[in-house]
Amino acid sequence: MRRLPAEVVRAVKDEDRLAVLHGLEMLDTAADPDFDRVTSVATAVMQVPVALVTLVDIERQ
């Protein structure tokens, strides 16, 4: 398995970022219409078939 660059590892493990992510209470929830709209706009603007919103936790995404 390939190792992530050090700056990516630091960002993923950043305690402030993780605190905000957990405070949003968005992990393990159903699909969100707001994110659906964001990805629809992204697919149209970028002219691609798929766009994703990913919330990255320390152990999962």
N, C-alpha and C. Protein backbone atom coordinates (compact mmCIF):
# COMPACT_ATOMS: atom_id res chain seq x y z
N MET A 1 0.84 -1.18 0.00
CA MET A 1 0.00 0.00 0.00
C MET A 1 0.88 1.24 0.00
N ARG A 2 0.48 2.22 -0.77
CA ARG A 2 1.25 3.45 -0.89
C ARG A 2 1.04 4.35 0.33
N ARG A 3 2.10 4.98 0.77
CA ARG A 3 2.02 5.89 1.92
C ARG A 3 1.54 7.26 1.46
N LEU A 4 0.76 7.90 2.31
CA LEU A 4 0.29 9.25 2.01
C LEU A 4 1.40 10.25 2.31
N PRO A 5 1.43 11.37 1.59
CA PRO A 5 2.40 12.42 1.91
C PRO A 5 2.18 12.94 3.33
N ALA A 6 3.24 13.36 3.97
CA ALA A 6 3.20 13.80 5.37
C ALA A 6 2.17 14.91 5.58
N GLU A 7 2.06 15.85 4.62
CA GLU A 7 1.11 16.96 4.81
C GLU A 7 -0.34 16.46 4.77
N VAL A 8 -0.59 15.40 4.01
CA VAL A 8 -1.94 14.82 3.98
C VAL A 8 -2.24 14.14 5.30
N VAL A 9 -1.29 13.39 5.82
CA VAL A 9 -1.46 12.72 7.11
C VAL A 9 -1.73 13.75 8.21
N ARG A 10 -0.97 14.84 8.20
CA ARG A 10 -1.19 15.90 9.21
C ARG A 10 -2.59 16.48 9.09
N ALA A 11 -3.04 16.72 7.88
CA ALA A 11 -4.38 17.29 7.67
C ALA A 11 -5.46 16.32 8.15
N VAL A 12 -5.32 15.05 7.84
CA VAL A 12 -6.32 14.06 8.25
C VAL A 12 -6.38 13.95 9.77
N LYS A 13 -5.23 14.05 10.42
CA LYS A 13 -5.17 13.89 11.88
C LYS A 13 -5.38 15.19 12.65
N ASP A 14 -5.55 16.31 11.96
CA ASP A 14 -5.68 17.61 12.62
C ASP A 14 -6.86 17.62 13.59
N GLU A 15 -6.58 17.87 14.86
CA GLU A 15 -7.60 17.80 15.91
C GLU A 15 -8.71 18.84 15.73
N ASP A 16 -8.37 20.04 15.29
CA ASP A 16 -9.39 21.07 15.08
C ASP A 16 -10.35 20.66 13.96
N ARG A 17 -9.80 20.14 12.87
CA ARG A 17 -10.63 19.69 11.75
C ARG A 17 -11.54 18.55 12.19
N LEU A 18 -10.99 17.60 12.94
CA LEU A 18 -11.79 16.47 13.41
C LEU A 18 -12.89 16.92 14.38
N ALA A 19 -12.59 17.89 15.23
CA ALA A 19 -13.59 18.40 16.17
C ALA A 19 -14.77 19.02 15.42
N VAL A 20 -14.48 19.80 14.37
CA VAL A 20 -15.54 20.39 13.57
C VAL A 20 -16.34 19.30 12.87
N LEU A 21 -15.65 18.33 12.27
CA LEU A 21 -16.32 17.24 11.58
C LEU A 21 -17.26 16.49 12.51
N HIS A 22 -16.80 16.16 13.70
CA HIS A 22 -17.64 15.43 14.65
C HIS A 22 -18.77 16.32 15.16
N GLY A 23 -18.50 17.61 15.30
CA GLY A 23 -19.53 18.55 15.74
C GLY A 23 -20.67 18.69 14.74
N LEU A 24 -20.39 18.47 13.47
CA LEU A 24 -21.43 18.55 12.43
C LEU A 24 -22.42 17.39 12.51
N GLU A 25 -21.99 16.30 13.13
CA GLU A 25 -22.82 15.09 13.25
C GLU A 25 -23.34 14.63 11.90
N MET A 26 -22.46 14.63 10.89
CA MET A 26 -22.83 14.24 9.53
C MET A 26 -22.34 12.84 9.16
N LEU A 27 -21.49 12.26 9.99
CA LEU A 27 -20.98 10.92 9.67
C LEU A 27 -22.08 9.89 9.87
N ASP A 28 -22.12 8.90 9.01
CA ASP A 28 -23.08 7.79 9.10
C ASP A 28 -24.53 8.26 9.03
N THR A 29 -24.80 9.26 8.21
CA THR A 29 -26.16 9.74 8.03
C THR A 29 -26.65 9.39 6.62
N ALA A 30 -27.92 9.56 6.41
CA ALA A 30 -28.51 9.31 5.09
C ALA A 30 -28.05 10.39 4.12
N ALA A 31 -28.36 10.18 2.85
CA ALA A 31 -28.04 11.17 1.82
C ALA A 31 -28.64 12.52 2.19
N ASP A 32 -27.93 13.59 1.81
CA ASP A 32 -28.36 14.94 2.15
C ASP A 32 -28.67 15.71 0.86
N PRO A 33 -29.87 16.28 0.75
CA PRO A 33 -30.23 17.00 -0.48
C PRO A 33 -29.31 18.18 -0.79
N ASP A 34 -28.76 18.82 0.23
CA ASP A 34 -27.82 19.93 -0.01
C ASP A 34 -26.56 19.43 -0.71
N PHE A 35 -26.02 18.30 -0.27
CA PHE A 35 -24.84 17.74 -0.93
C PHE A 35 -25.19 17.27 -2.33
N ASP A 36 -26.39 16.75 -2.52
CA ASP A 36 -26.83 16.34 -3.86
C ASP A 36 -26.83 17.54 -4.81
N ARG A 37 -27.28 18.69 -4.33
CA ARG A 37 -27.28 19.90 -5.16
C ARG A 37 -25.85 20.35 -5.48
N VAL A 38 -24.98 20.29 -4.49
CA VAL A 38 -23.57 20.68 -4.70
C VAL A 38 -22.95 19.78 -5.76
N THR A 39 -23.17 18.48 -5.66
CA THR A 39 -22.57 17.58 -6.64
C THR A 39 -23.20 17.75 -8.02
N SER A 40 -24.47 18.08 -8.08
CA SER A 40 -25.11 18.35 -9.38
C SER A 40 -24.48 19.56 -10.06
N VAL A 41 -24.26 20.60 -9.28
CA VAL A 41 -23.62 21.80 -9.83
C VAL A 41 -22.19 21.46 -10.27
N ALA A 42 -21.47 20.71 -9.45
CA ALA A 42 -20.08 20.36 -9.78
C ALA A 42 -20.01 19.55 -11.07
N THR A 43 -20.92 18.59 -11.25
CA THR A 43 -20.90 17.80 -12.48
C THR A 43 -21.18 18.67 -13.70
N ALA A 44 -22.09 19.62 -13.56
CA ALA A 44 -22.42 20.51 -14.68
C ALA A 44 -21.26 21.44 -15.01
N VAL A 45 -20.67 22.05 -13.99
CA VAL A 45 -19.59 23.02 -14.20
C VAL A 45 -18.35 22.32 -14.77
N MET A 46 -18.02 21.17 -14.20
CA MET A 46 -16.81 20.46 -14.62
C MET A 46 -17.04 19.55 -15.83
N GLN A 47 -18.29 19.41 -16.23
CA GLN A 47 -18.67 18.56 -17.37
C GLN A 47 -18.12 17.14 -17.21
N VAL A 48 -18.44 16.57 -16.03
CA VAL A 48 -18.04 15.20 -15.71
C VAL A 48 -19.29 14.41 -15.32
N PRO A 49 -19.24 13.08 -15.42
CA PRO A 49 -20.43 12.30 -15.10
C PRO A 49 -20.70 12.13 -13.60
N VAL A 50 -19.67 12.28 -12.76
CA VAL A 50 -19.83 12.02 -11.33
C VAL A 50 -19.03 13.04 -10.53
N ALA A 51 -19.61 13.50 -9.41
CA ALA A 51 -18.89 14.32 -8.43
C ALA A 51 -19.27 13.79 -7.05
N LEU A 52 -18.35 13.85 -6.11
CA LEU A 52 -18.58 13.31 -4.77
C LEU A 52 -18.23 14.34 -3.70
N VAL A 53 -18.93 14.27 -2.58
CA VAL A 53 -18.57 15.00 -1.38
C VAL A 53 -18.17 13.93 -0.37
N THR A 54 -16.95 13.99 0.12
CA THR A 54 -16.46 12.99 1.07
C THR A 54 -16.03 13.67 2.36
N LEU A 55 -16.54 13.17 3.47
CA LEU A 55 -16.15 13.66 4.79
C LEU A 55 -15.15 12.65 5.35
N VAL A 56 -13.93 13.08 5.61
CA VAL A 56 -12.86 12.17 6.00
C VAL A 56 -12.62 12.27 7.50
N ASP A 57 -12.84 11.15 8.19
CA ASP A 57 -12.57 11.02 9.62
C ASP A 57 -11.17 10.40 9.76
N ILE A 58 -10.72 10.24 10.97
CA ILE A 58 -9.38 9.68 11.19
C ILE A 58 -9.28 8.23 10.73
N GLU A 59 -10.37 7.47 10.82
CA GLU A 59 -10.35 6.05 10.48
C GLU A 59 -11.23 5.69 9.29
N ARG A 60 -11.97 6.64 8.75
CA ARG A 60 -12.92 6.31 7.68
C ARG A 60 -13.26 7.55 6.87
N GLN A 61 -13.94 7.28 5.78
CA GLN A 61 -14.47 8.40 4.98
C GLN A 61 -15.86 8.06 4.55
